[in-house]
Amino acid sequence: MMNAMNYKGYTAKIEFDPRDNIFWGKVLSTRDSITFEGSTVEELTADFHNAIDFYLSDCAASGRSPQKPVSGKLLLRVPPEVHRAALVAAQAAGTSLNQWAAKALKEAASE
């Protein structure tokens, strides 16, 4: 399981650097590089919140839209036999392939 923090819809992966004795984080799923650090969980959390707040205010000040963490659209390329098996499983469950896949992805991501 990944060590993560969430704030205003943004998720960051958290690491510990034993050499510098600090926690550091990087916001995921944006092309912009947003990082932060802290020597305690409290400092890390505060710096994460400040980094996101700064990013959002900087975007507003410069007139650009902040990158949304995700759009909700996902394009997958799978072998035809996997596609067929998933379609059959969705039909057997009485759902659309999209609903079935969304549920399967949610369950897999929660493990």
PDB file of N, CA and C in Angstrom:
ATOM      1  N   MET A   1       0.838  -1.177   0.000  1.00  0.00           N
ATOM      2  CA  MET A   1       0.000   0.000   0.000  1.00  0.00           C
ATOM      3  C   MET A   1       0.889   1.248   0.000  1.00  0.00           C
ATOM      4  N   MET A   2       0.510   2.206  -0.805  1.00  0.00           N
ATOM      5  CA  MET A   2       1.296   3.431  -0.942  1.00  0.00           C
ATOM      6  C   MET A   2       0.990   4.378   0.217  1.00  0.00           C
ATOM      7  N   ASN A   3       2.033   5.047   0.724  1.00  0.00           N
ATOM      8  CA  ASN A   3       1.837   6.111   1.695  1.00  0.00           C
ATOM      9  C   ASN A   3       1.420   7.344   0.918  1.00  0.00           C
ATOM     10  N   ALA A   4       0.226   7.864   1.212  1.00  0.00           N
ATOM     11  CA  ALA A   4      -0.310   8.965   0.422  1.00  0.00           C
ATOM     12  C   ALA A   4      -1.035   9.967   1.307  1.00  0.00           C
ATOM     13  N   MET A   5      -1.170  11.175   0.768  1.00  0.00           N
ATOM     14  CA  MET A   5      -1.944  12.240   1.397  1.00  0.00           C
ATOM     15  C   MET A   5      -2.873  12.807   0.334  1.00  0.00           C
ATOM     16  N   ASN A   6      -4.024  13.301   0.761  1.00  0.00           N
ATOM     17  CA  ASN A   6      -4.996  13.896  -0.153  1.00  0.00           C
ATOM     18  C   ASN A   6      -5.397  15.278   0.343  1.00  0.00           C
ATOM     19  N   TYR A   7      -5.556  16.203  -0.613  1.00  0.00           N
ATOM     20  CA  TYR A   7      -5.988  17.559  -0.283  1.00  0.00           C
ATOM     21  C   TYR A   7      -6.579  18.192  -1.534  1.00  0.00           C
ATOM     22  N   LYS A   8      -7.798  18.702  -1.418  1.00  0.00           N
ATOM     23  CA  LYS A   8      -8.484  19.389  -2.511  1.00  0.00           C
ATOM     24  C   LYS A   8      -8.496  18.583  -3.812  1.00  0.00           C
ATOM     25  N   GLY A   9      -8.639  17.264  -3.681  1.00  0.00           N
ATOM     26  CA  GLY A   9      -8.703  16.402  -4.851  1.00  0.00           C
ATOM     27  C   GLY A   9      -7.363  15.979  -5.411  1.00  0.00           C
ATOM     28  N   TYR A  10      -6.275  16.427  -4.824  1.00  0.00           N
ATOM     29  CA  TYR A  10      -4.932  16.061  -5.275  1.00  0.00           C
ATOM     30  C   TYR A  10      -4.361  15.010  -4.321  1.00  0.00           C
ATOM     31  N   THR A  11      -3.669  14.032  -4.885  1.00  0.00           N
ATOM     32  CA  THR A  11      -3.054  12.967  -4.096  1.00  0.00           C
ATOM     33  C   THR A  11      -1.549  13.046  -4.259  1.00  0.00           C
ATOM     34  N   ALA A  12      -0.854  12.869  -3.149  1.00  0.00           N
ATOM     35  CA  ALA A  12       0.614  12.900  -3.172  1.00  0.00           C
ATOM     36  C   ALA A  12       1.154  11.610  -2.583  1.00  0.00           C
ATOM     37  N   LYS A  13       2.225  11.138  -3.188  1.00  0.00           N
ATOM     38  CA  LYS A  13       2.956   9.978  -2.684  1.00  0.00           C
ATOM     39  C   LYS A  13       3.999  10.480  -1.692  1.00  0.00           C
ATOM     40  N   ILE A  14       4.079   9.823  -0.549  1.00  0.00           N
ATOM     41  CA  ILE A  14       4.981  10.243   0.520  1.00  0.00           C
ATOM     42  C   ILE A  14       6.135   9.257   0.652  1.00  0.00           C
ATOM     43  N   GLU A  15       7.332   9.796   0.789  1.00  0.00           N
ATOM     44  CA  GLU A  15       8.545   8.998   0.992  1.00  0.00           C
ATOM     45  C   GLU A  15       9.277   9.544   2.215  1.00  0.00           C
ATOM     46  N   PHE A  16      10.213   8.739   2.735  1.00  0.00           N
ATOM     47  CA  PHE A  16      11.077   9.195   3.818  1.00  0.00           C
ATOM     48  C   PHE A  16      12.512   9.114   3.339  1.00  0.00           C
ATOM     49  N   ASP A  17      13.264  10.194   3.530  1.00  0.00           N
ATOM     50  CA  ASP A  17      14.677  10.233   3.150  1.00  0.00           C
ATOM     51  C   ASP A  17      15.505  10.120   4.429  1.00  0.00           C
ATOM     52  N   PRO A  18      16.045   8.915   4.707  1.00  0.00           N
ATOM     53  CA  PRO A  18      16.794   8.743   5.955  1.00  0.00           C
ATOM     54  C   PRO A  18      18.102   9.531   5.983  1.00  0.00           C
ATOM     55  N   ARG A  19      18.656   9.826   4.809  1.00  0.00           N
ATOM     56  CA  ARG A  19      19.908  10.584   4.757  1.00  0.00           C
ATOM     57  C   ARG A  19      19.710  12.003   5.293  1.00  0.00           C
ATOM     58  N   ASP A  20      18.609  12.633   4.876  1.00  0.00           N
ATOM     59  CA  ASP A  20      18.313  13.998   5.330  1.00  0.00           C
ATOM     60  C   ASP A  20      17.324  14.027   6.490  1.00  0.00           C
ATOM     61  N   ASN A  21      16.814  12.854   6.860  1.00  0.00           N
ATOM     62  CA  ASN A  21      15.873  12.714   7.964  1.00  0.00           C
ATOM     63  C   ASN A  21      14.619  13.582   7.769  1.00  0.00           C
ATOM     64  N   ILE A  22      14.066  13.540   6.551  1.00  0.00           N
ATOM     65  CA  ILE A  22      12.840  14.294   6.267  1.00  0.00           C
ATOM     66  C   ILE A  22      11.863  13.422   5.477  1.00  0.00           C
ATOM     67  N   PHE A  23      10.595  13.776   5.602  1.00  0.00           N
ATOM     68  CA  PHE A  23       9.557  13.231   4.743  1.00  0.00           C
ATOM     69  C   PHE A  23       9.457  14.166   3.544  1.00  0.00           C
ATOM     70  N   TRP A  24       9.155  13.606   2.392  1.00  0.00           N
ATOM     71  CA  TRP A  24       8.934  14.450   1.221  1.00  0.00           C
ATOM     72  C   TRP A  24       7.816  13.822   0.398  1.00  0.00           C
ATOM     73  N   GLY A  25       7.173  14.660  -0.370  1.00  0.00           N
ATOM     74  CA  GLY A  25       6.064  14.166  -1.174  1.00  0.00           C
ATOM     75  C   GLY A  25       6.064  14.778  -2.551  1.00  0.00           C
ATOM     76  N   LYS A  26       5.400  14.080  -3.463  1.00  0.00           N
ATOM     77  CA  LYS A  26       5.229  14.535  -4.839  1.00  0.00           C
ATOM     78  C   LYS A  26       3.777  14.300  -5.219  1.00  0.00           C
ATOM     79  N   VAL A  27       3.139  15.349  -5.753  1.00  0.00           N
ATOM     80  CA  VAL A  27       1.751  15.243  -6.183  1.00  0.00           C
ATOM     81  C   VAL A  27       1.699  14.400  -7.447  1.00  0.00           C
ATOM     82  N   LEU A  28       0.779  13.452  -7.464  1.00  0.00           N
ATOM     83  CA  LEU A  28       0.635  12.527  -8.579  1.00  0.00           C
ATOM     84  C   LEU A  28      -0.411  13.021  -9.572  1.00  0.00           C
ATOM     85  N   SER A  29      -0.359  12.510 -10.748  1.00  0.00           N
ATOM     86  CA  SER A  29      -1.324  12.698 -11.837  1.00  0.00           C
ATOM     87  C   SER A  29      -1.462  14.131 -12.327  1.00  0.00           C
ATOM     88  N   THR A  30      -0.364  14.893 -12.276  1.00  0.00           N
ATOM     89  CA  THR A  30      -0.307  16.199 -12.938  1.00  0.00           C
ATOM     90  C   THR A  30       1.013  16.279 -13.685  1.00  0.00           C
ATOM     91  N   ARG A  31       1.023  17.021 -14.781  1.00  0.00           N
ATOM     92  CA  ARG A  31       2.282  17.216 -15.506  1.00  0.00           C
ATOM     93  C   ARG A  31       3.148  18.232 -14.772  1.00  0.00           C
ATOM     94  N   ASP A  32       2.519  19.142 -14.022  1.00  0.00           N
ATOM     95  CA  ASP A  32       3.275  20.107 -13.235  1.00  0.00           C
ATOM     96  C   ASP A  32       3.952  19.379 -12.083  1.00  0.00           C
ATOM     97  N   SER A  33       5.163  19.797 -11.745  1.00  0.00           N
ATOM     98  CA  SER A  33       5.888  19.186 -10.642  1.00  0.00           C
ATOM     99  C   SER A  33       5.556  19.937  -9.355  1.00  0.00           C
ATOM    100  N   ILE A  34       4.882  19.254  -8.451  1.00  0.00           N
ATOM    101  CA  ILE A  34       4.509  19.844  -7.165  1.00  0.00           C
ATOM    102  C   ILE A  34       5.094  18.934  -6.087  1.00  0.00           C
ATOM    103  N   THR A  35       6.063  19.474  -5.346  1.00  0.00           N
ATOM    104  CA  THR A  35       6.709  18.707  -4.287  1.00  0.00           C
ATOM    105  C   THR A  35       6.656  19.494  -2.980  1.00  0.00           C
ATOM    106  N   PHE A  36       6.904  18.788  -1.897  1.00  0.00           N
ATOM    107  CA  PHE A  36       6.868  19.411  -0.567  1.00  0.00           C
ATOM    108  C   PHE A  36       7.626  18.516   0.397  1.00  0.00           C
ATOM    109  N   GLU A  37       7.923  19.043   1.589  1.00  0.00           N
ATOM    110  CA  GLU A  37       8.679  18.268   2.568  1.00  0.00           C
ATOM    111  C   GLU A  37       8.387  18.732   3.979  1.00  0.00           C
ATOM    112  N   GLY A  38       8.835  17.948   4.941  1.00  0.00           N
ATOM    113  CA  GLY A  38       8.705  18.306   6.345  1.00  0.00           C
ATOM    114  C   GLY A  38       9.436  17.304   7.204  1.00  0.00           C
ATOM    115  N   SER A  39       9.914  17.747   8.349  1.00  0.00           N
ATOM    116  CA  SER A  39      10.618  16.839   9.248  1.00  0.00           C
ATOM    117  C   SER A  39       9.663  16.130  10.204  1.00  0.00           C
ATOM    118  N   THR A  40       8.413  16.593  10.260  1.00  0.00           N
ATOM    119  CA  THR A  40       7.371  15.925  11.045  1.00  0.00           C
ATOM    120  C   THR A  40       6.140  15.759  10.156  1.00  0.00           C
ATOM    121  N   VAL A  41       5.223  14.927  10.582  1.00  0.00           N
ATOM    122  CA  VAL A  41       3.985  14.743   9.825  1.00  0.00           C
ATOM    123  C   VAL A  41       3.220  16.061   9.762  1.00  0.00           C
ATOM    124  N   GLU A  42       3.231  16.807  10.834  1.00  0.00           N
ATOM    125  CA  GLU A  42       2.535  18.099  10.868  1.00  0.00           C
ATOM    126  C   GLU A  42       3.147  19.075   9.861  1.00  0.00           C
ATOM    127  N   GLU A  43       4.476  19.152   9.829  1.00  0.00           N
ATOM    128  CA  GLU A  43       5.147  20.029   8.860  1.00  0.00           C
ATOM    129  C   GLU A  43       4.892  19.568   7.431  1.00  0.00           C
ATOM    130  N   LEU A  44       4.936  18.259   7.224  1.00  0.00           N
ATOM    131  CA  LEU A  44       4.683  17.698   5.898  1.00  0.00           C
ATOM    132  C   LEU A  44       3.272  18.044   5.428  1.00  0.00           C
ATOM    133  N   THR A  45       2.298  17.867   6.299  1.00  0.00           N
ATOM    134  CA  THR A  45       0.906  18.173   5.958  1.00  0.00           C
ATOM    135  C   THR A  45       0.738  19.653   5.644  1.00  0.00           C
ATOM    136  N   ALA A  46       1.299  20.507   6.479  1.00  0.00           N
ATOM    137  CA  ALA A  46       1.185  21.950   6.253  1.00  0.00           C
ATOM    138  C   ALA A  46       1.845  22.352   4.935  1.00  0.00           C
ATOM    139  N   ASP A  47       3.025  21.800   4.637  1.00  0.00           N
ATOM    140  CA  ASP A  47       3.716  22.153   3.402  1.00  0.00           C
ATOM    141  C   ASP A  47       2.968  21.619   2.182  1.00  0.00           C
ATOM    142  N   PHE A  48       2.336  20.454   2.303  1.00  0.00           N
ATOM    143  CA  PHE A  48       1.515  19.903   1.225  1.00  0.00           C
ATOM    144  C   PHE A  48       0.339  20.839   0.941  1.00  0.00           C
ATOM    145  N   HIS A  49      -0.366  21.240   1.981  1.00  0.00           N
ATOM    146  CA  HIS A  49      -1.493  22.161   1.814  1.00  0.00           C
ATOM    147  C   HIS A  49      -1.031  23.479   1.204  1.00  0.00           C
ATOM    148  N   ASN A  50       0.086  24.003   1.690  1.00  0.00           N
ATOM    149  CA  ASN A  50       0.630  25.253   1.137  1.00  0.00           C
ATOM    150  C   ASN A  50       1.010  25.097  -0.336  1.00  0.00           C
ATOM    151  N   ALA A  51       1.593  23.959  -0.695  1.00  0.00           N
ATOM    152  CA  ALA A  51       2.003  23.730  -2.080  1.00  0.00           C
ATOM    153  C   ALA A  51       0.791  23.698  -3.011  1.00  0.00           C
ATOM    154  N   ILE A  52      -0.273  23.018  -2.596  1.00  0.00           N
ATOM    155  CA  ILE A  52      -1.482  22.956  -3.423  1.00  0.00           C
ATOM    156  C   ILE A  52      -2.150  24.325  -3.486  1.00  0.00           C
ATOM    157  N   ASP A  53      -2.268  24.996  -2.350  1.00  0.00           N
ATOM    158  CA  ASP A  53      -2.878  26.331  -2.338  1.00  0.00           C
ATOM    159  C   ASP A  53      -2.090  27.304  -3.210  1.00  0.00           C
ATOM    160  N   PHE A  54      -0.759  27.242  -3.145  1.00  0.00           N
ATOM    161  CA  PHE A  54       0.087  28.111  -3.977  1.00  0.00           C
ATOM    162  C   PHE A  54      -0.119  27.781  -5.453  1.00  0.00           C
ATOM    163  N   TYR A  55      -0.136  26.495  -5.786  1.00  0.00           N
ATOM    164  CA  TYR A  55      -0.329  26.062  -7.171  1.00  0.00           C
ATOM    165  C   TYR A  55      -1.659  26.606  -7.708  1.00  0.00           C
ATOM    166  N   LEU A  56      -2.717  26.458  -6.942  1.00  0.00           N
ATOM    167  CA  LEU A  56      -4.030  26.924  -7.389  1.00  0.00           C
ATOM    168  C   LEU A  56      -4.075  28.448  -7.519  1.00  0.00           C
ATOM    169  N   SER A  57      -3.467  29.171  -6.569  1.00  0.00           N
ATOM    170  CA  SER A  57      -3.472  30.639  -6.660  1.00  0.00           C
ATOM    171  C   SER A  57      -2.576  31.119  -7.790  1.00  0.00           C
ATOM    172  N   ASP A  58      -1.453  30.433  -8.026  1.00  0.00           N
ATOM    173  CA  ASP A  58      -0.569  30.796  -9.129  1.00  0.00           C
ATOM    174  C   ASP A  58      -1.275  30.581 -10.470  1.00  0.00           C
ATOM    175  N   CYS A  59      -2.006  29.497 -10.588  1.00  0.00           N
ATOM    176  CA  CYS A  59      -2.775  29.251 -11.819  1.00  0.00           C
ATOM    177  C   CYS A  59      -3.805  30.353 -12.029  1.00  0.00           C
ATOM    178  N   ALA A  60      -4.510  30.726 -10.958  1.00  0.00           N
ATOM    179  CA  ALA A  60      -5.518  31.782 -11.063  1.00  0.00           C
ATOM    180  C   ALA A  60      -4.887  33.112 -11.443  1.00  0.00           C
ATOM    181  N   ALA A  61      -3.739  33.435 -10.839  1.00  0.00           N
ATOM    182  CA  ALA A  61      -3.069  34.704 -11.114  1.00  0.00           C
ATOM    183  C   ALA A  61      -2.531  34.776 -12.540  1.00  0.00           C
ATOM    184  N   SER A  62      -2.123  33.638 -13.085  1.00  0.00           N
ATOM    185  CA  SER A  62      -1.568  33.628 -14.434  1.00  0.00           C
ATOM    186  C   SER A  62      -2.619  33.339 -15.502  1.00  0.00           C
ATOM    187  N   GLY A  63      -3.858  33.135 -15.076  1.00  0.00           N
ATOM    188  CA  GLY A  63      -4.943  32.915 -16.029  1.00  0.00           C
ATOM    189  C   GLY A  63      -4.958  31.547 -16.683  1.00  0.00           C
ATOM    190  N   ARG A  64      -4.284  30.585 -16.080  1.00  0.00           N
ATOM    191  CA  ARG A  64      -4.329  29.239 -16.653  1.00  0.00           C
ATOM    192  C   ARG A  64      -5.127  28.314 -15.742  1.00  0.00           C
ATOM    193  N   SER A  65      -5.709  27.319 -16.332  1.00  0.00           N
ATOM    194  CA  SER A  65      -6.499  26.357 -15.559  1.00  0.00           C
ATOM    195  C   SER A  65      -5.572  25.369 -14.875  1.00  0.00           C
ATOM    196  N   PRO A  66      -5.793  25.110 -13.590  1.00  0.00           N
ATOM    197  CA  PRO A  66      -4.975  24.089 -12.926  1.00  0.00           C
ATOM    198  C   PRO A  66      -5.286  22.724 -13.535  1.00  0.00           C
ATOM    199  N   GLN A  67      -4.278  21.902 -13.594  1.00  0.00           N
ATOM    200  CA  GLN A  67      -4.509  20.559 -14.100  1.00  0.00           C
ATOM    201  C   GLN A  67      -5.378  19.810 -13.119  1.00  0.00           C
ATOM    202  N   LYS A  68      -6.410  19.216 -13.639  1.00  0.00           N
ATOM    203  CA  LYS A  68      -7.255  18.388 -12.785  1.00  0.00           C
ATOM    204  C   LYS A  68      -6.509  17.090 -12.549  1.00  0.00           C
ATOM    205  N   PRO A  69      -6.620  16.554 -11.328  1.00  0.00           N
ATOM    206  CA  PRO A  69      -5.906  15.315 -11.052  1.00  0.00           C
ATOM    207  C   PRO A  69      -6.256  14.198 -12.041  1.00  0.00           C
ATOM    208  N   VAL A  70      -7.521  14.046 -12.374  1.00  0.00           N
ATOM    209  CA  VAL A  70      -7.949  13.060 -13.365  1.00  0.00           C
ATOM    210  C   VAL A  70      -9.233  13.539 -14.013  1.00  0.00           C
ATOM    211  N   SER A  71      -9.502  13.045 -15.209  1.00  0.00           N
ATOM    212  CA  SER A  71     -10.701  13.461 -15.933  1.00  0.00           C
ATOM    213  C   SER A  71     -11.878  12.533 -15.706  1.00  0.00           C
ATOM    214  N   GLY A  72     -11.621  11.294 -15.307  1.00  0.00           N
ATOM    215  CA  GLY A  72     -12.685  10.309 -15.191  1.00  0.00           C
ATOM    216  C   GLY A  72     -12.823   9.466 -16.447  1.00  0.00           C
ATOM    217  N   LYS A  73     -12.010   9.753 -17.454  1.00  0.00           N
ATOM    218  CA  LYS A  73     -12.017   8.955 -18.680  1.00  0.00           C
ATOM    219  C   LYS A  73     -10.742   8.134 -18.715  1.00  0.00           C
ATOM    220  N   LEU A  74     -10.880   6.866 -19.085  1.00  0.00           N
ATOM    221  CA  LEU A  74      -9.742   5.967 -19.104  1.00  0.00           C
ATOM    222  C   LEU A  74      -9.825   5.103 -20.356  1.00  0.00           C
ATOM    223  N   LEU A  75      -8.801   5.132 -21.173  1.00  0.00           N
ATOM    224  CA  LEU A  75      -8.740   4.313 -22.378  1.00  0.00           C
ATOM    225  C   LEU A  75      -7.775   3.171 -22.115  1.00  0.00           C
ATOM    226  N   LEU A  76      -8.259   1.961 -22.283  1.00  0.00           N
ATOM    227  CA  LEU A  76      -7.420   0.781 -22.066  1.00  0.00           C
ATOM    228  C   LEU A  76      -7.270   0.004 -23.354  1.00  0.00           C
ATOM    229  N   ARG A  77      -6.101  -0.519 -23.562  1.00  0.00           N
ATOM    230  CA  ARG A  77      -5.867  -1.438 -24.672  1.00  0.00           C
ATOM    231  C   ARG A  77      -5.553  -2.788 -24.049  1.00  0.00           C
ATOM    232  N   VAL A  78      -6.408  -3.756 -24.346  1.00  0.00           N
ATOM    233  CA  VAL A  78      -6.235  -5.105 -23.803  1.00  0.00           C
ATOM    234  C   VAL A  78      -6.345  -6.101 -24.947  1.00  0.00           C
ATOM    235  N   PRO A  79      -5.790  -7.296 -24.765  1.00  0.00           N
ATOM    236  CA  PRO A  79      -5.934  -8.322 -25.797  1.00  0.00           C
ATOM    237  C   PRO A  79      -7.423  -8.645 -26.021  1.00  0.00           C
ATOM    238  N   PRO A  80      -7.797  -9.013 -27.248  1.00  0.00           N
ATOM    239  CA  PRO A  80      -9.200  -9.300 -27.544  1.00  0.00           C
ATOM    240  C   PRO A  80      -9.832 -10.343 -26.613  1.00  0.00           C
ATOM    241  N   GLU A  81      -9.051 -11.341 -26.218  1.00  0.00           N
ATOM    242  CA  GLU A  81      -9.626 -12.367 -25.333  1.00  0.00           C
ATOM    243  C   GLU A  81      -9.948 -11.809 -23.948  1.00  0.00           C
ATOM    244  N   VAL A  82      -9.167 -10.851 -23.477  1.00  0.00           N
ATOM    245  CA  VAL A  82      -9.463 -10.198 -22.196  1.00  0.00           C
ATOM    246  C   VAL A  82     -10.710  -9.330 -22.350  1.00  0.00           C
ATOM    247  N   HIS A  83     -10.804  -8.604 -23.443  1.00  0.00           N
ATOM    248  CA  HIS A  83     -11.974  -7.768 -23.719  1.00  0.00           C
ATOM    249  C   HIS A  83     -13.235  -8.641 -23.743  1.00  0.00           C
ATOM    250  N   ARG A  84     -13.166  -9.761 -24.467  1.00  0.00           N
ATOM    251  CA  ARG A  84     -14.306 -10.674 -24.571  1.00  0.00           C
ATOM    252  C   ARG A  84     -14.696 -11.211 -23.195  1.00  0.00           C
ATOM    253  N   ALA A  85     -13.718 -11.652 -22.416  1.00  0.00           N
ATOM    254  CA  ALA A  85     -14.006 -12.211 -21.088  1.00  0.00           C
ATOM    255  C   ALA A  85     -14.625 -11.163 -20.174  1.00  0.00           C
ATOM    256  N   ALA A  86     -14.133  -9.930 -20.247  1.00  0.00           N
ATOM    257  CA  ALA A  86     -14.692  -8.852 -19.429  1.00  0.00           C
ATOM    258  C   ALA A  86     -16.116  -8.533 -19.858  1.00  0.00           C
ATOM    259  N   LEU A  87     -16.371  -8.514 -21.156  1.00  0.00           N
ATOM    260  CA  LEU A  87     -17.722  -8.246 -21.660  1.00  0.00           C
ATOM    261  C   LEU A  87     -18.691  -9.330 -21.202  1.00  0.00           C
ATOM    262  N   VAL A  88     -18.283 -10.588 -21.285  1.00  0.00           N
ATOM    263  CA  VAL A  88     -19.126 -11.697 -20.833  1.00  0.00           C
ATOM    264  C   VAL A  88     -19.398 -11.575 -19.326  1.00  0.00           C
ATOM    265  N   ALA A  89     -18.363 -11.258 -18.556  1.00  0.00           N
ATOM    266  CA  ALA A  89     -18.535 -11.104 -17.105  1.00  0.00           C
ATOM    267  C   ALA A  89     -19.490  -9.957 -16.789  1.00  0.00           C
ATOM    268  N   ALA A  90     -19.376  -8.853 -17.526  1.00  0.00           N
ATOM    269  CA  ALA A  90     -20.276  -7.714 -17.301  1.00  0.00           C
ATOM    270  C   ALA A  90     -21.706  -8.084 -17.649  1.00  0.00           C
ATOM    271  N   GLN A  91     -21.897  -8.744 -18.772  1.00  0.00           N
ATOM    272  CA  GLN A  91     -23.247  -9.147 -19.168  1.00  0.00           C
ATOM    273  C   GLN A  91     -23.831 -10.136 -18.165  1.00  0.00           C
ATOM    274  N   ALA A  92     -23.022 -11.056 -17.679  1.00  0.00           N
ATOM    275  CA  ALA A  92     -23.488 -12.028 -16.680  1.00  0.00           C
ATOM    276  C   ALA A  92     -23.878 -11.338 -15.378  1.00  0.00           C
ATOM    277  N   ALA A  93     -23.203 -10.238 -15.065  1.00  0.00           N
ATOM    278  CA  ALA A  93     -23.516  -9.473 -13.854  1.00  0.00           C
ATOM    279  C   ALA A  93     -24.679  -8.515 -14.071  1.00  0.00           C
ATOM    280  N   GLY A  94     -25.130  -8.395 -15.319  1.00  0.00           N
ATOM    281  CA  GLY A  94     -26.260  -7.508 -15.615  1.00  0.00           C
ATOM    282  C   GLY A  94     -25.882  -6.040 -15.636  1.00  0.00           C
ATOM    283  N   THR A  95     -24.618  -5.745 -15.942  1.00  0.00           N
ATOM    284  CA  THR A  95     -24.171  -4.355 -15.989  1.00  0.00           C
ATOM    285  C   THR A  95     -23.505  -4.076 -17.332  1.00  0.00           C
ATOM    286  N   SER A  96     -23.246  -2.815 -17.576  1.00  0.00           N
ATOM    287  CA  SER A  96     -22.482  -2.450 -18.765  1.00  0.00           C
ATOM    288  C   SER A  96     -21.016  -2.791 -18.517  1.00  0.00           C
ATOM    289  N   LEU A  97     -20.264  -2.890 -19.592  1.00  0.00           N
ATOM    290  CA  LEU A  97     -18.831  -3.141 -19.465  1.00  0.00           C
ATOM    291  C   LEU A  97     -18.161  -2.003 -18.695  1.00  0.00           C
ATOM    292  N   ASN A  98     -18.587  -0.768 -18.935  1.00  0.00           N
ATOM    293  CA  ASN A  98     -18.024   0.377 -18.228  1.00  0.00           C
ATOM    294  C   ASN A  98     -18.268   0.262 -16.720  1.00  0.00           C
ATOM    295  N   GLN A  99     -19.500  -0.052 -16.320  1.00  0.00           N
ATOM    296  CA  GLN A  99     -19.811  -0.184 -14.889  1.00  0.00           C
ATOM    297  C   GLN A  99     -19.024  -1.333 -14.267  1.00  0.00           C
ATOM    298  N   TRP A 100     -18.951  -2.454 -14.994  1.00  0.00           N
ATOM    299  CA  TRP A 100     -18.227  -3.616 -14.489  1.00  0.00           C
ATOM    300  C   TRP A 100     -16.743  -3.293 -14.316  1.00  0.00           C
ATOM    301  N   ALA A 101     -16.148  -2.645 -15.324  1.00  0.00           N
ATOM    302  CA  ALA A 101     -14.730  -2.310 -15.270  1.00  0.00           C
ATOM    303  C   ALA A 101     -14.444  -1.291 -14.166  1.00  0.00           C
ATOM    304  N   ALA A 102     -15.325  -0.300 -14.007  1.00  0.00           N
ATOM    305  CA  ALA A 102     -15.137   0.700 -12.948  1.00  0.00           C
ATOM    306  C   ALA A 102     -15.135   0.037 -11.578  1.00  0.00           C
ATOM    307  N   LYS A 103     -16.049  -0.914 -11.381  1.00  0.00           N
ATOM    308  CA  LYS A 103     -16.112  -1.627 -10.099  1.00  0.00           C
ATOM    309  C   LYS A 103     -14.844  -2.471  -9.898  1.00  0.00           C
ATOM    310  N   ALA A 104     -14.414  -3.179 -10.952  1.00  0.00           N
ATOM    311  CA  ALA A 104     -13.221  -4.017 -10.851  1.00  0.00           C
ATOM    312  C   ALA A 104     -11.979  -3.174 -10.555  1.00  0.00           C
ATOM    313  N   LEU A 105     -11.855  -2.030 -11.222  1.00  0.00           N
ATOM    314  CA  LEU A 105     -10.715  -1.143 -10.980  1.00  0.00           C
ATOM    315  C   LEU A 105     -10.733  -0.585  -9.557  1.00  0.00           C
ATOM    316  N   LYS A 106     -11.923  -0.197  -9.095  1.00  0.00           N
ATOM    317  CA  LYS A 106     -12.044   0.340  -7.732  1.00  0.00           C
ATOM    318  C   LYS A 106     -11.628  -0.713  -6.705  1.00  0.00           C
ATOM    319  N   GLU A 107     -12.111  -1.930  -6.887  1.00  0.00           N
ATOM    320  CA  GLU A 107     -11.758  -3.007  -5.947  1.00  0.00           C
ATOM    321  C   GLU A 107     -10.261  -3.313  -5.995  1.00  0.00           C
ATOM    322  N   ALA A 108      -9.678  -3.344  -7.197  1.00  0.00           N
ATOM    323  CA  ALA A 108      -8.252  -3.632  -7.327  1.00  0.00           C
ATOM    324  C   ALA A 108      -7.398  -2.525  -6.714  1.00  0.00           C
ATOM    325  N   ALA A 109      -7.822  -1.282  -6.877  1.00  0.00           N
ATOM    326  CA  ALA A 109      -7.058  -0.143  -6.350  1.00  0.00           C
ATOM    327  C   ALA A 109      -7.163  -0.042  -4.832  1.00  0.00           C
ATOM    328  N   SER A 110      -8.190  -0.650  -4.259  1.00  0.00           N
ATOM    329  CA  SER A 110      -8.406  -0.571  -2.818  1.00  0.00           C
ATOM    330  C   SER A 110      -7.657  -1.662  -2.059  1.00  0.00           C
ATOM    331  N   GLU A 111      -7.073  -2.602  -2.775  1.00  0.00           N
ATOM    332  CA  GLU A 111      -6.375  -3.726  -2.101  1.00  0.00           C
ATOM    333  C   GLU A 111      -5.100  -3.272  -1.459  1.00  0.00           C
TER     334      GLU A 111
END
